[in-house]
């Protein structure tokens, strides 16, 4: 065995807060359309932290665009 072995958590033992978002739940949480939510999830998933950050950045960008 290599000195650089990494243990992986089995798929069925994920911590609930680490589970990827469902599109509908993510869309509702951030007030997005399901299409926008799907795009953000595909581009930034499965990390909930990355997806939430991307949603916040997207919402801010849309707000800034609508101001002008």
Foldseek 3Di string as FASTA:
>chain_A
DDPDDDDDDDPVPDDVVQAADDLVVQCVVLVHDSVVSVVLCVVQDRGPVRSVVVSVVVVVVVVVVVVD
